[in-house]
Amino acid sequence: MNIAERKYRVGYVDESRNDIVYFHDFMVKYDSVIEVIDFIPESETIDELYQKINNEKLDILVVDYRLNEYSNINFQGSDLIDYLHQKRRDFPCILLTSHPYEALDYSLDSHIVYDKEIIIAQSEQDDGDIFFKKIKKSIEKYINQLNEAEKTINELNNRANLSIEEENSLLLSDEFIEANLGIPSVTPRILKTENHNKELKQLIDEVQRLLNELQ
């Protein structure tokens, strides 16, 4: 999962070919470390577009908010990101828009909304650098999370005995991998059921004890 020796693969989804040109012009100074892959929605379903995106093995996805402004599709950029996150929960995305207030109302995550004016207007140099750093940091954070989860699973999965803290760490790492890569569980099912149920019962017993003391 190390991306240090290759370019960042940045997907860009926009129905406006002019805006795609603006985006490429804006990102050209980073072309030594960034490769932009375009997606122009026309009449496909949201799942068909997601499958095209998923097949490209991207590191981050940048999506225009009003995807249906000039195309015959029935979803917005925020819908596409929400759909992707149902498949890959923490995959880094940026919602790029000329209508930030409207986009904020429809996006589940306000932190991913970014004003498209910076791209179209080719505004100040510092703003461009901030946008690039946002892309870079988002990718690195996600890759680091995947690497840490993989490392934890490799270290703990074959141990005969685990502490409660180690079991919890293993389960959280397994959940992260499952939620983001769509692969079958790598944690033994017995660990996900018996131990979890035991801890839950202990918690319920403790709550009941406290309630009895308060009565």
N, C-alpha and C. Protein backbone atom coordinates (compact mmCIF):
# COMPACT_ATOMS: atom_id res chain seq x y z
N MET A 1 0.81 -1.20 0.00
CA MET A 1 0.00 0.00 0.00
C MET A 1 0.85 1.26 0.00
N ASN A 2 2.13 1.13 -0.16
CA ASN A 2 3.02 2.28 -0.19
C ASN A 2 2.90 3.00 -1.53
N ILE A 3 2.62 4.30 -1.49
CA ILE A 3 2.46 5.05 -2.74
C ILE A 3 3.60 6.00 -2.99
N ALA A 4 4.65 5.90 -2.19
CA ALA A 4 5.75 6.86 -2.28
C ALA A 4 6.45 6.81 -3.64
N GLU A 5 6.43 5.68 -4.31
CA GLU A 5 7.20 5.53 -5.53
C GLU A 5 6.34 5.67 -6.78
N ARG A 6 5.11 6.13 -6.66
CA ARG A 6 4.27 6.34 -7.82
C ARG A 6 3.47 7.63 -7.65
N LYS A 7 2.83 8.05 -8.72
CA LYS A 7 2.03 9.26 -8.65
C LYS A 7 0.72 9.01 -7.90
N TYR A 8 0.21 10.06 -7.31
CA TYR A 8 -1.13 9.99 -6.73
C TYR A 8 -2.14 9.92 -7.88
N ARG A 9 -3.05 8.97 -7.81
CA ARG A 9 -4.08 8.84 -8.84
C ARG A 9 -5.35 9.56 -8.36
N VAL A 10 -5.58 10.72 -8.97
CA VAL A 10 -6.69 11.58 -8.57
C VAL A 10 -7.80 11.48 -9.60
N GLY A 11 -8.95 10.96 -9.20
CA GLY A 11 -10.10 10.92 -10.09
C GLY A 11 -10.84 12.24 -10.06
N TYR A 12 -11.26 12.72 -11.24
CA TYR A 12 -12.02 13.96 -11.29
C TYR A 12 -13.31 13.72 -12.08
N VAL A 13 -14.43 13.95 -11.42
CA VAL A 13 -15.75 13.71 -12.02
C VAL A 13 -16.43 15.05 -12.26
N ASP A 14 -16.74 15.32 -13.53
CA ASP A 14 -17.40 16.58 -13.88
C ASP A 14 -18.11 16.39 -15.22
N GLU A 15 -19.31 16.94 -15.34
CA GLU A 15 -20.05 16.81 -16.59
C GLU A 15 -19.66 17.91 -17.59
N SER A 16 -18.92 18.93 -17.12
CA SER A 16 -18.51 20.03 -17.97
C SER A 16 -17.09 19.81 -18.48
N ARG A 17 -16.96 19.65 -19.78
CA ARG A 17 -15.63 19.44 -20.35
C ARG A 17 -14.74 20.68 -20.17
N ASN A 18 -15.35 21.86 -20.18
CA ASN A 18 -14.57 23.07 -19.94
C ASN A 18 -13.97 23.08 -18.55
N ASP A 19 -14.76 22.67 -17.56
CA ASP A 19 -14.26 22.65 -16.19
C ASP A 19 -13.20 21.57 -16.00
N ILE A 20 -13.29 20.51 -16.77
CA ILE A 20 -12.25 19.48 -16.73
C ILE A 20 -10.92 20.06 -17.23
N VAL A 21 -11.00 20.87 -18.28
CA VAL A 21 -9.80 21.54 -18.79
C VAL A 21 -9.24 22.48 -17.73
N TYR A 22 -10.12 23.24 -17.06
CA TYR A 22 -9.67 24.13 -15.98
C TYR A 22 -8.97 23.34 -14.89
N PHE A 23 -9.53 22.21 -14.54
CA PHE A 23 -8.95 21.40 -13.47
C PHE A 23 -7.56 20.91 -13.85
N HIS A 24 -7.42 20.44 -15.08
CA HIS A 24 -6.11 19.98 -15.54
C HIS A 24 -5.10 21.12 -15.57
N ASP A 25 -5.54 22.29 -16.04
CA ASP A 25 -4.65 23.45 -16.07
C ASP A 25 -4.21 23.84 -14.66
N PHE A 26 -5.14 23.74 -13.75
CA PHE A 26 -4.86 24.11 -12.37
C PHE A 26 -3.87 23.15 -11.72
N MET A 27 -3.98 21.86 -12.04
CA MET A 27 -3.16 20.83 -11.40
C MET A 27 -1.86 20.54 -12.14
N VAL A 28 -1.63 21.22 -13.27
CA VAL A 28 -0.50 20.86 -14.11
C VAL A 28 0.84 21.03 -13.40
N LYS A 29 0.93 21.99 -12.50
CA LYS A 29 2.22 22.19 -11.85
C LYS A 29 2.56 21.08 -10.87
N TYR A 30 1.59 20.22 -10.59
CA TYR A 30 1.82 19.07 -9.69
C TYR A 30 1.91 17.76 -10.48
N ASP A 31 2.07 17.86 -11.80
CA ASP A 31 1.98 16.63 -12.61
C ASP A 31 3.14 15.67 -12.39
N SER A 32 4.16 16.10 -11.66
CA SER A 32 5.24 15.17 -11.33
C SER A 32 4.82 14.19 -10.23
N VAL A 33 3.79 14.56 -9.49
CA VAL A 33 3.33 13.70 -8.39
C VAL A 33 1.86 13.33 -8.49
N ILE A 34 1.14 13.91 -9.47
CA ILE A 34 -0.29 13.65 -9.60
C ILE A 34 -0.64 13.21 -11.01
N GLU A 35 -1.46 12.20 -11.10
CA GLU A 35 -2.05 11.77 -12.37
C GLU A 35 -3.56 11.93 -12.25
N VAL A 36 -4.17 12.69 -13.14
CA VAL A 36 -5.61 12.95 -13.10
C VAL A 36 -6.33 12.03 -14.06
N ILE A 37 -7.34 11.33 -13.57
CA ILE A 37 -8.17 10.45 -14.39
C ILE A 37 -9.57 11.04 -14.44
N ASP A 38 -10.04 11.35 -15.65
CA ASP A 38 -11.33 12.02 -15.82
C ASP A 38 -12.49 11.03 -15.91
N PHE A 39 -13.63 11.47 -15.39
CA PHE A 39 -14.88 10.74 -15.55
C PHE A 39 -15.95 11.76 -15.94
N ILE A 40 -16.58 11.57 -17.10
CA ILE A 40 -17.59 12.49 -17.58
C ILE A 40 -18.93 11.76 -17.60
N PRO A 41 -19.78 11.96 -16.59
CA PRO A 41 -21.06 11.27 -16.56
C PRO A 41 -21.99 11.78 -17.66
N GLU A 42 -22.67 10.86 -18.30
CA GLU A 42 -23.58 11.24 -19.38
C GLU A 42 -24.98 10.69 -19.14
N SER A 43 -25.12 9.36 -19.14
CA SER A 43 -26.45 8.80 -18.92
C SER A 43 -26.41 7.55 -18.05
N GLU A 44 -25.24 7.22 -17.48
CA GLU A 44 -25.14 6.02 -16.70
C GLU A 44 -25.80 6.18 -15.33
N THR A 45 -26.06 5.05 -14.70
CA THR A 45 -26.59 5.05 -13.34
C THR A 45 -25.46 5.36 -12.37
N ILE A 46 -25.82 5.64 -11.13
CA ILE A 46 -24.81 5.95 -10.13
C ILE A 46 -23.91 4.75 -9.86
N ASP A 47 -24.48 3.53 -9.93
CA ASP A 47 -23.67 2.34 -9.72
C ASP A 47 -22.72 2.11 -10.89
N GLU A 48 -23.17 2.37 -12.10
CA GLU A 48 -22.30 2.20 -13.27
C GLU A 48 -21.12 3.18 -13.20
N LEU A 49 -21.39 4.40 -12.78
CA LEU A 49 -20.31 5.37 -12.64
C LEU A 49 -19.36 4.97 -11.51
N TYR A 50 -19.93 4.48 -10.41
CA TYR A 50 -19.09 4.01 -9.31
C TYR A 50 -18.17 2.87 -9.75
N GLN A 51 -18.70 1.93 -10.53
CA GLN A 51 -17.88 0.81 -10.99
C GLN A 51 -16.72 1.28 -11.85
N LYS A 52 -16.96 2.27 -12.72
CA LYS A 52 -15.88 2.83 -13.53
C LYS A 52 -14.81 3.45 -12.64
N ILE A 53 -15.25 4.18 -11.63
CA ILE A 53 -14.33 4.82 -10.70
C ILE A 53 -13.53 3.78 -9.93
N ASN A 54 -14.21 2.79 -9.41
CA ASN A 54 -13.56 1.77 -8.58
C ASN A 54 -12.53 0.97 -9.37
N ASN A 55 -12.77 0.79 -10.66
CA ASN A 55 -11.86 0.01 -11.49
C ASN A 55 -10.52 0.71 -11.74
N GLU A 56 -10.47 2.01 -11.48
CA GLU A 56 -9.26 2.79 -11.78
C GLU A 56 -8.24 2.81 -10.65
N LYS A 57 -8.55 2.18 -9.50
CA LYS A 57 -7.61 2.10 -8.38
C LYS A 57 -7.10 3.49 -7.98
N LEU A 58 -8.03 4.37 -7.70
CA LEU A 58 -7.69 5.75 -7.37
C LEU A 58 -7.19 5.87 -5.94
N ASP A 59 -6.54 7.01 -5.66
CA ASP A 59 -6.13 7.35 -4.30
C ASP A 59 -7.07 8.37 -3.66
N ILE A 60 -7.77 9.14 -4.49
CA ILE A 60 -8.73 10.13 -4.00
C ILE A 60 -9.67 10.46 -5.15
N LEU A 61 -10.87 10.92 -4.81
CA LEU A 61 -11.85 11.29 -5.82
C LEU A 61 -12.29 12.73 -5.58
N VAL A 62 -12.19 13.55 -6.62
CA VAL A 62 -12.69 14.93 -6.59
C VAL A 62 -13.92 14.98 -7.49
N VAL A 63 -15.04 15.46 -6.95
CA VAL A 63 -16.32 15.40 -7.66
C VAL A 63 -16.97 16.78 -7.72
N ASP A 64 -17.43 17.15 -8.90
CA ASP A 64 -18.23 18.36 -9.04
C ASP A 64 -19.60 18.12 -8.40
N TYR A 65 -20.12 19.14 -7.72
CA TYR A 65 -21.39 18.97 -7.00
C TYR A 65 -22.57 18.79 -7.95
N ARG A 66 -22.74 19.72 -8.91
CA ARG A 66 -23.90 19.67 -9.80
C ARG A 66 -23.58 18.84 -11.05
N LEU A 67 -23.55 17.55 -10.88
CA LEU A 67 -23.23 16.66 -11.99
C LEU A 67 -24.34 16.62 -13.04
N ASN A 68 -25.55 16.94 -12.64
CA ASN A 68 -26.67 16.84 -13.58
C ASN A 68 -27.03 18.18 -14.22
N GLU A 69 -26.14 19.16 -14.13
CA GLU A 69 -26.44 20.48 -14.69
C GLU A 69 -26.51 20.43 -16.21
N TYR A 70 -25.62 19.65 -16.83
CA TYR A 70 -25.61 19.55 -18.29
C TYR A 70 -25.73 18.11 -18.77
N SER A 71 -25.93 17.17 -17.87
CA SER A 71 -25.99 15.75 -18.25
C SER A 71 -27.33 15.15 -17.87
N ASN A 72 -27.67 14.09 -18.54
CA ASN A 72 -28.95 13.41 -18.31
C ASN A 72 -28.79 12.33 -17.25
N ILE A 73 -28.48 12.77 -16.04
CA ILE A 73 -28.38 11.83 -14.92
C ILE A 73 -29.23 12.35 -13.77
N ASN A 74 -29.59 11.46 -12.86
CA ASN A 74 -30.55 11.83 -11.81
C ASN A 74 -29.91 11.87 -10.43
N PHE A 75 -28.61 12.19 -10.37
CA PHE A 75 -27.95 12.29 -9.06
C PHE A 75 -26.93 13.43 -9.09
N GLN A 76 -26.61 13.91 -7.90
CA GLN A 76 -25.64 14.98 -7.74
C GLN A 76 -24.29 14.39 -7.31
N GLY A 77 -23.27 15.25 -7.28
CA GLY A 77 -21.95 14.80 -6.84
C GLY A 77 -21.95 14.31 -5.41
N SER A 78 -22.74 14.96 -4.56
CA SER A 78 -22.84 14.52 -3.16
C SER A 78 -23.45 13.13 -3.06
N ASP A 79 -24.40 12.82 -3.96
CA ASP A 79 -24.99 11.47 -3.98
C ASP A 79 -23.94 10.43 -4.37
N LEU A 80 -23.10 10.77 -5.33
CA LEU A 80 -22.05 9.84 -5.76
C LEU A 80 -21.08 9.56 -4.63
N ILE A 81 -20.67 10.60 -3.90
CA ILE A 81 -19.75 10.40 -2.78
C ILE A 81 -20.41 9.56 -1.69
N ASP A 82 -21.66 9.84 -1.38
CA ASP A 82 -22.37 9.05 -0.36
C ASP A 82 -22.45 7.58 -0.79
N TYR A 83 -22.71 7.36 -2.08
CA TYR A 83 -22.80 5.98 -2.60
C TYR A 83 -21.45 5.28 -2.50
N LEU A 84 -20.39 5.99 -2.87
CA LEU A 84 -19.05 5.42 -2.76
C LEU A 84 -18.72 5.07 -1.32
N HIS A 85 -19.09 5.93 -0.39
CA HIS A 85 -18.76 5.68 1.01
C HIS A 85 -19.58 4.55 1.61
N GLN A 86 -20.66 4.16 0.96
CA GLN A 86 -21.36 2.94 1.38
C GLN A 86 -20.53 1.71 1.05
N LYS A 87 -19.71 1.81 0.02
CA LYS A 87 -18.85 0.70 -0.41
C LYS A 87 -17.47 0.76 0.24
N ARG A 88 -16.95 1.98 0.36
CA ARG A 88 -15.61 2.20 0.93
C ARG A 88 -15.71 3.38 1.88
N ARG A 89 -15.98 3.10 3.11
CA ARG A 89 -16.44 4.07 4.10
C ARG A 89 -15.56 5.30 4.26
N ASP A 90 -14.25 5.13 4.28
CA ASP A 90 -13.35 6.24 4.60
C ASP A 90 -12.54 6.72 3.40
N PHE A 91 -12.91 6.28 2.21
CA PHE A 91 -12.13 6.66 1.03
C PHE A 91 -12.13 8.18 0.87
N PRO A 92 -10.95 8.80 0.66
CA PRO A 92 -10.88 10.26 0.60
C PRO A 92 -11.58 10.83 -0.63
N CYS A 93 -12.42 11.82 -0.38
CA CYS A 93 -13.17 12.49 -1.44
C CYS A 93 -13.20 13.99 -1.18
N ILE A 94 -13.32 14.76 -2.26
CA ILE A 94 -13.52 16.20 -2.17
C ILE A 94 -14.70 16.56 -3.07
N LEU A 95 -15.62 17.34 -2.53
CA LEU A 95 -16.77 17.81 -3.30
C LEU A 95 -16.46 19.25 -3.74
N LEU A 96 -16.28 19.43 -5.02
CA LEU A 96 -15.90 20.73 -5.57
C LEU A 96 -17.15 21.41 -6.13
N THR A 97 -17.39 22.67 -5.76
CA THR A 97 -18.66 23.29 -6.14
C THR A 97 -18.57 24.80 -6.28
N SER A 98 -19.37 25.32 -7.19
CA SER A 98 -19.56 26.76 -7.30
C SER A 98 -20.74 27.21 -6.44
N HIS A 99 -21.38 26.26 -5.77
CA HIS A 99 -22.54 26.55 -4.93
C HIS A 99 -22.31 25.96 -3.54
N PRO A 100 -21.33 26.51 -2.80
CA PRO A 100 -20.93 25.90 -1.53
C PRO A 100 -22.04 25.81 -0.49
N TYR A 101 -22.89 26.83 -0.40
CA TYR A 101 -23.95 26.80 0.61
C TYR A 101 -24.96 25.69 0.31
N GLU A 102 -25.30 25.55 -0.96
CA GLU A 102 -26.22 24.47 -1.34
C GLU A 102 -25.58 23.12 -1.12
N ALA A 103 -24.31 22.98 -1.49
CA ALA A 103 -23.61 21.70 -1.34
C ALA A 103 -23.49 21.31 0.12
N LEU A 104 -23.28 22.29 1.00
CA LEU A 104 -23.17 21.99 2.42
C LEU A 104 -24.47 21.42 2.98
N ASP A 105 -25.59 21.84 2.41
CA ASP A 105 -26.89 21.32 2.86
C ASP A 105 -27.09 19.86 2.48
N TYR A 106 -26.45 19.42 1.38
CA TYR A 106 -26.68 18.08 0.87
C TYR A 106 -25.54 17.10 1.11
N SER A 107 -24.40 17.61 1.56
CA SER A 107 -23.27 16.72 1.83
C SER A 107 -23.34 16.21 3.26
N LEU A 108 -23.02 14.93 3.44
CA LEU A 108 -23.00 14.35 4.78
C LEU A 108 -21.78 14.80 5.57
N ASP A 109 -20.76 15.30 4.88
CA ASP A 109 -19.52 15.70 5.54
C ASP A 109 -19.12 17.08 5.04
N SER A 110 -19.28 18.08 5.89
CA SER A 110 -18.98 19.46 5.49
C SER A 110 -17.50 19.68 5.23
N HIS A 111 -16.65 18.83 5.80
CA HIS A 111 -15.19 19.02 5.67
C HIS A 111 -14.68 18.72 4.26
N ILE A 112 -15.47 18.05 3.44
CA ILE A 112 -14.99 17.70 2.11
C ILE A 112 -15.42 18.71 1.05
N VAL A 113 -16.24 19.69 1.41
CA VAL A 113 -16.75 20.66 0.45
C VAL A 113 -15.71 21.75 0.21
N TYR A 114 -15.39 21.99 -1.06
CA TYR A 114 -14.36 22.96 -1.42
C TYR A 114 -14.88 23.84 -2.55
N ASP A 115 -14.62 25.15 -2.48
CA ASP A 115 -15.14 26.10 -3.46
C ASP A 115 -14.45 25.90 -4.81
N LYS A 116 -15.25 25.70 -5.84
CA LYS A 116 -14.74 25.46 -7.18
C LYS A 116 -14.12 26.70 -7.81
N GLU A 117 -14.41 27.85 -7.25
CA GLU A 117 -13.90 29.10 -7.80
C GLU A 117 -12.38 29.12 -7.87
N ILE A 118 -11.74 28.44 -6.93
CA ILE A 118 -10.27 28.38 -6.93
C ILE A 118 -9.75 27.73 -8.20
N ILE A 119 -10.51 26.77 -8.75
CA ILE A 119 -10.09 26.09 -9.98
C ILE A 119 -10.41 26.93 -11.21
N ILE A 120 -11.65 27.40 -11.27
CA ILE A 120 -12.10 28.12 -12.46
C ILE A 120 -11.38 29.45 -12.63
N ALA A 121 -11.18 30.16 -11.52
CA ALA A 121 -10.59 31.49 -11.60
C ALA A 121 -9.07 31.46 -11.59
N GLN A 122 -8.48 30.28 -11.37
CA GLN A 122 -7.02 30.19 -11.27
C GLN A 122 -6.51 31.22 -10.26
N SER A 123 -7.08 31.19 -9.09
CA SER A 123 -6.82 32.23 -8.11
C SER A 123 -5.44 32.10 -7.48
N GLU A 124 -5.25 32.74 -6.35
CA GLU A 124 -3.92 32.94 -5.79
C GLU A 124 -3.14 31.63 -5.63
N GLN A 125 -1.83 31.77 -5.79
CA GLN A 125 -0.93 30.62 -5.72
C GLN A 125 -1.08 29.86 -4.42
N ASP A 126 -1.19 30.59 -3.32
CA ASP A 126 -1.28 29.94 -2.02
C ASP A 126 -2.51 29.05 -1.92
N ASP A 127 -3.62 29.50 -2.53
CA ASP A 127 -4.84 28.70 -2.51
C ASP A 127 -4.65 27.38 -3.24
N GLY A 128 -3.92 27.44 -4.37
CA GLY A 128 -3.65 26.22 -5.11
C GLY A 128 -2.81 25.25 -4.31
N ASP A 129 -1.82 25.78 -3.62
CA ASP A 129 -0.97 24.92 -2.79
C ASP A 129 -1.77 24.29 -1.66
N ILE A 130 -2.69 25.05 -1.08
CA ILE A 130 -3.54 24.51 -0.01
C ILE A 130 -4.41 23.38 -0.54
N PHE A 131 -4.96 23.56 -1.73
CA PHE A 131 -5.79 22.52 -2.32
C PHE A 131 -4.98 21.25 -2.59
N PHE A 132 -3.78 21.42 -3.11
CA PHE A 132 -2.91 20.27 -3.34
C PHE A 132 -2.57 19.57 -2.02
N LYS A 133 -2.24 20.36 -0.99
CA LYS A 133 -1.92 19.77 0.31
C LYS A 133 -3.11 19.03 0.90
N LYS A 134 -4.32 19.55 0.65
CA LYS A 134 -5.53 18.86 1.11
C LYS A 134 -5.63 17.48 0.45
N ILE A 135 -5.37 17.44 -0.85
CA ILE A 135 -5.38 16.16 -1.57
C ILE A 135 -4.32 15.23 -1.01
N LYS A 136 -3.11 15.73 -0.89
CA LYS A 136 -1.97 14.92 -0.44
C LYS A 136 -2.18 14.38 0.97
N LYS A 137 -2.60 15.25 1.89
CA LYS A 137 -2.80 14.84 3.27
C LYS A 137 -3.95 13.83 3.40
N SER A 138 -5.00 14.02 2.62
CA SER A 138 -6.13 13.09 2.66
C SER A 138 -5.72 11.70 2.21
N ILE A 139 -4.92 11.65 1.14
CA ILE A 139 -4.43 10.36 0.65
C ILE A 139 -3.52 9.70 1.68
N GLU A 140 -2.57 10.46 2.20
CA GLU A 140 -1.61 9.89 3.14
C GLU A 140 -2.28 9.39 4.41
N LYS A 141 -3.27 10.12 4.90
CA LYS A 141 -3.99 9.69 6.09
C LYS A 141 -4.69 8.35 5.85
N TYR A 142 -5.35 8.24 4.70
CA TYR A 142 -6.08 7.01 4.37
C TYR A 142 -5.14 5.82 4.21
N ILE A 143 -4.05 6.03 3.49
CA ILE A 143 -3.08 4.96 3.29
C ILE A 143 -2.46 4.52 4.61
N ASN A 144 -2.14 5.48 5.46
CA ASN A 144 -1.58 5.16 6.78
C ASN A 144 -2.56 4.35 7.62
N GLN A 145 -3.85 4.70 7.55
CA GLN A 145 -4.86 3.95 8.29
C GLN A 145 -4.95 2.51 7.80
N LEU A 146 -4.89 2.33 6.49
CA LEU A 146 -4.93 0.98 5.93
C LEU A 146 -3.69 0.19 6.35
N ASN A 147 -2.53 0.83 6.29
CA ASN A 147 -1.30 0.15 6.67
C ASN A 147 -1.30 -0.24 8.14
N GLU A 148 -1.78 0.66 9.00
CA GLU A 148 -1.82 0.38 10.43
C GLU A 148 -2.79 -0.76 10.73
N ALA A 149 -3.93 -0.76 10.04
CA ALA A 149 -4.90 -1.83 10.25
C ALA A 149 -4.33 -3.18 9.80
N GLU A 150 -3.67 -3.18 8.66
CA GLU A 150 -3.05 -4.40 8.14
C GLU A 150 -1.96 -4.90 9.09
N LYS A 151 -1.16 -3.97 9.59
CA LYS A 151 -0.08 -4.33 10.52
C LYS A 151 -0.65 -4.94 11.80
N THR A 152 -1.70 -4.34 12.33
CA THR A 152 -2.32 -4.85 13.56
C THR A 152 -2.88 -6.25 13.36
N ILE A 153 -3.55 -6.46 12.23
CA ILE A 153 -4.12 -7.77 11.95
C ILE A 153 -3.02 -8.82 11.82
N ASN A 154 -1.96 -8.49 11.12
CA ASN A 154 -0.86 -9.44 10.94
C ASN A 154 -0.19 -9.79 12.27
N GLU A 155 -0.09 -8.82 13.16
CA GLU A 155 0.57 -9.04 14.44
C GLU A 155 -0.29 -9.83 15.43
N LEU A 156 -1.59 -9.60 15.40
CA LEU A 156 -2.46 -10.14 16.45
C LEU A 156 -3.29 -11.34 16.04
N ASN A 157 -3.52 -11.51 14.75
CA ASN A 157 -4.50 -12.51 14.31
C ASN A 157 -4.10 -13.94 14.65
N ASN A 158 -2.81 -14.22 14.70
CA ASN A 158 -2.37 -15.60 14.93
C ASN A 158 -1.93 -15.87 16.37
N ARG A 159 -2.09 -14.89 17.25
CA ARG A 159 -1.75 -15.11 18.65
C ARG A 159 -2.80 -15.98 19.33
N ALA A 160 -2.34 -16.82 20.21
CA ALA A 160 -3.27 -17.72 20.90
C ALA A 160 -4.12 -16.99 21.92
N ASN A 161 -3.50 -16.04 22.63
CA ASN A 161 -4.21 -15.32 23.68
C ASN A 161 -4.04 -13.82 23.49
N LEU A 162 -5.15 -13.12 23.58
CA LEU A 162 -5.13 -11.67 23.43
C LEU A 162 -5.76 -11.02 24.64
N SER A 163 -5.23 -9.87 25.02
CA SER A 163 -5.87 -9.08 26.06
C SER A 163 -7.14 -8.44 25.50
N ILE A 164 -7.96 -7.88 26.38
CA ILE A 164 -9.18 -7.21 25.92
C ILE A 164 -8.83 -6.06 24.98
N GLU A 165 -7.77 -5.33 25.32
CA GLU A 165 -7.34 -4.22 24.48
C GLU A 165 -6.88 -4.70 23.11
N GLU A 166 -6.17 -5.82 23.09
CA GLU A 166 -5.70 -6.35 21.81
C GLU A 166 -6.85 -6.89 20.98
N GLU A 167 -7.82 -7.54 21.62
CA GLU A 167 -9.00 -8.01 20.89
C GLU A 167 -9.74 -6.84 20.26
N ASN A 168 -9.90 -5.77 21.04
CA ASN A 168 -10.60 -4.60 20.53
C ASN A 168 -9.85 -3.98 19.37
N SER A 169 -8.53 -3.91 19.48
CA SER A 169 -7.71 -3.36 18.41
C SER A 169 -7.82 -4.21 17.15
N LEU A 170 -7.84 -5.53 17.33
CA LEU A 170 -7.97 -6.43 16.18
C LEU A 170 -9.32 -6.28 15.51
N LEU A 171 -10.37 -6.19 16.30
CA LEU A 171 -11.72 -6.03 15.75
C LEU A 171 -11.87 -4.71 15.01
N LEU A 172 -11.34 -3.63 15.58
CA LEU A 172 -11.43 -2.33 14.93
C LEU A 172 -10.65 -2.31 13.62
N SER A 173 -9.50 -2.94 13.62
CA SER A 173 -8.69 -3.01 12.40
C SER A 173 -9.39 -3.83 11.33
N ASP A 174 -9.97 -4.94 11.75
CA ASP A 174 -10.71 -5.79 10.83
C ASP A 174 -11.90 -5.04 10.25
N GLU A 175 -12.62 -4.31 11.11
CA GLU A 175 -13.77 -3.54 10.66
C GLU A 175 -13.35 -2.48 9.64
N PHE A 176 -12.22 -1.84 9.90
CA PHE A 176 -11.75 -0.80 8.98
C PHE A 176 -11.43 -1.39 7.61
N ILE A 177 -10.74 -2.53 7.60
CA ILE A 177 -10.40 -3.17 6.33
C ILE A 177 -11.66 -3.60 5.59
N GLU A 178 -12.58 -4.23 6.29
CA GLU A 178 -13.83 -4.66 5.66
C GLU A 178 -14.61 -3.50 5.09
N ALA A 179 -14.70 -2.40 5.86
CA ALA A 179 -15.53 -1.27 5.45
C ALA A 179 -14.92 -0.49 4.29
N ASN A 180 -13.63 -0.65 4.06
CA ASN A 180 -12.98 0.15 3.04
C ASN A 180 -12.52 -0.63 1.81
N LEU A 181 -12.33 -1.92 1.95
CA LEU A 181 -11.86 -2.71 0.81
C LEU A 181 -12.87 -3.75 0.34
N GLY A 182 -13.95 -3.90 1.10
CA GLY A 182 -14.99 -4.84 0.68
C GLY A 182 -14.54 -6.28 0.62
N ILE A 183 -13.56 -6.65 1.46
CA ILE A 183 -13.08 -8.02 1.47
C ILE A 183 -13.70 -8.78 2.64
N PRO A 184 -13.74 -10.09 2.57
CA PRO A 184 -14.30 -10.86 3.68
C PRO A 184 -13.50 -10.65 4.96
N SER A 185 -14.13 -10.89 6.08
CA SER A 185 -13.49 -10.72 7.38
C SER A 185 -12.24 -11.58 7.49
N VAL A 186 -11.19 -11.00 8.08
CA VAL A 186 -9.97 -11.76 8.34
C VAL A 186 -9.86 -12.16 9.81
N THR A 187 -10.78 -11.65 10.63
CA THR A 187 -10.79 -11.98 12.04
C THR A 187 -11.69 -13.19 12.28
N PRO A 188 -11.22 -14.18 13.05
CA PRO A 188 -12.05 -15.36 13.30
C PRO A 188 -13.43 -14.97 13.82
N ARG A 189 -14.48 -15.60 13.26
CA ARG A 189 -15.84 -15.27 13.65
C ARG A 189 -16.09 -15.51 15.13
N ILE A 190 -15.42 -16.52 15.70
CA ILE A 190 -15.64 -16.80 17.12
C ILE A 190 -15.20 -15.62 17.98
N LEU A 191 -14.17 -14.90 17.53
CA LEU A 191 -13.72 -13.73 18.27
C LEU A 191 -14.73 -12.60 18.15
N LYS A 192 -15.42 -12.55 17.03
CA LYS A 192 -16.40 -11.50 16.81
C LYS A 192 -17.71 -11.78 17.54
N THR A 193 -17.92 -13.01 17.95
CA THR A 193 -19.21 -13.34 18.57
C THR A 193 -19.08 -13.60 20.06
N GLU A 194 -18.35 -14.64 20.44
CA GLU A 194 -18.30 -15.04 21.84
C GLU A 194 -17.70 -13.95 22.73
N ASN A 195 -16.53 -13.46 22.35
CA ASN A 195 -15.89 -12.45 23.18
C ASN A 195 -16.70 -11.17 23.25
N HIS A 196 -17.24 -10.77 22.11
CA HIS A 196 -18.05 -9.55 22.09
C HIS A 196 -19.28 -9.71 22.97
N ASN A 197 -19.94 -10.84 22.84
CA ASN A 197 -21.14 -11.07 23.65
C ASN A 197 -20.82 -11.13 25.14
N LYS A 198 -19.67 -11.70 25.48
CA LYS A 198 -19.25 -11.77 26.88
C LYS A 198 -19.03 -10.37 27.44
N GLU A 199 -18.32 -9.54 26.66
CA GLU A 199 -18.08 -8.17 27.12
C GLU A 199 -19.39 -7.40 27.25
N LEU A 200 -20.29 -7.62 26.29
CA LEU A 200 -21.58 -6.94 26.34
C LEU A 200 -22.38 -7.36 27.57
N LYS A 201 -22.37 -8.65 27.87
CA LYS A 201 -23.09 -9.14 29.05
C LYS A 201 -22.49 -8.53 30.33
N GLN A 202 -21.16 -8.45 30.40
CA GLN A 202 -20.52 -7.85 31.56
C GLN A 202 -20.92 -6.39 31.71
N LEU A 203 -21.00 -5.70 30.58
CA LEU A 203 -21.41 -4.31 30.62
C LEU A 203 -22.84 -4.17 31.10
N ILE A 204 -23.72 -5.03 30.59
CA ILE A 204 -25.13 -5.00 31.01
C ILE A 204 -25.26 -5.31 32.50
N ASP A 205 -24.50 -6.30 32.98
CA ASP A 205 -24.53 -6.65 34.41
C ASP A 205 -24.07 -5.47 35.27
N GLU A 206 -23.04 -4.77 34.80
CA GLU A 206 -22.53 -3.63 35.56
C GLU A 206 -23.55 -2.50 35.60
N VAL A 207 -24.20 -2.26 34.47
CA VAL A 207 -25.24 -1.23 34.43
C VAL A 207 -26.38 -1.59 35.36
N GLN A 208 -26.78 -2.87 35.35
CA GLN A 208 -27.86 -3.32 36.23
C GLN A 208 -27.48 -3.17 37.69
N ARG A 209 -26.22 -3.46 38.03
CA ARG A 209 -25.76 -3.32 39.41
C ARG A 209 -25.85 -1.86 39.86
N LEU A 210 -25.42 -0.97 38.98
CA LEU A 210 -25.49 0.45 39.33
C LEU A 210 -26.93 0.92 39.48
N LEU A 211 -27.80 0.43 38.63
CA LEU A 211 -29.21 0.80 38.73
C LEU A 211 -29.81 0.30 40.05
N ASN A 212 -29.44 -0.91 40.46
CA ASN A 212 -29.95 -1.46 41.72
C ASN A 212 -29.48 -0.62 42.91
N GLU A 213 -28.25 -0.14 42.82
CA GLU A 213 -27.71 0.67 43.91
C GLU A 213 -28.44 2.02 44.01
N LEU A 214 -28.90 2.52 42.87
CA LEU A 214 -29.56 3.81 42.86
C LEU A 214 -31.03 3.74 43.30
N GLN A 215 -31.61 2.55 43.29
CA GLN A 215 -33.02 2.40 43.64
C GLN A 215 -33.21 2.35 45.15
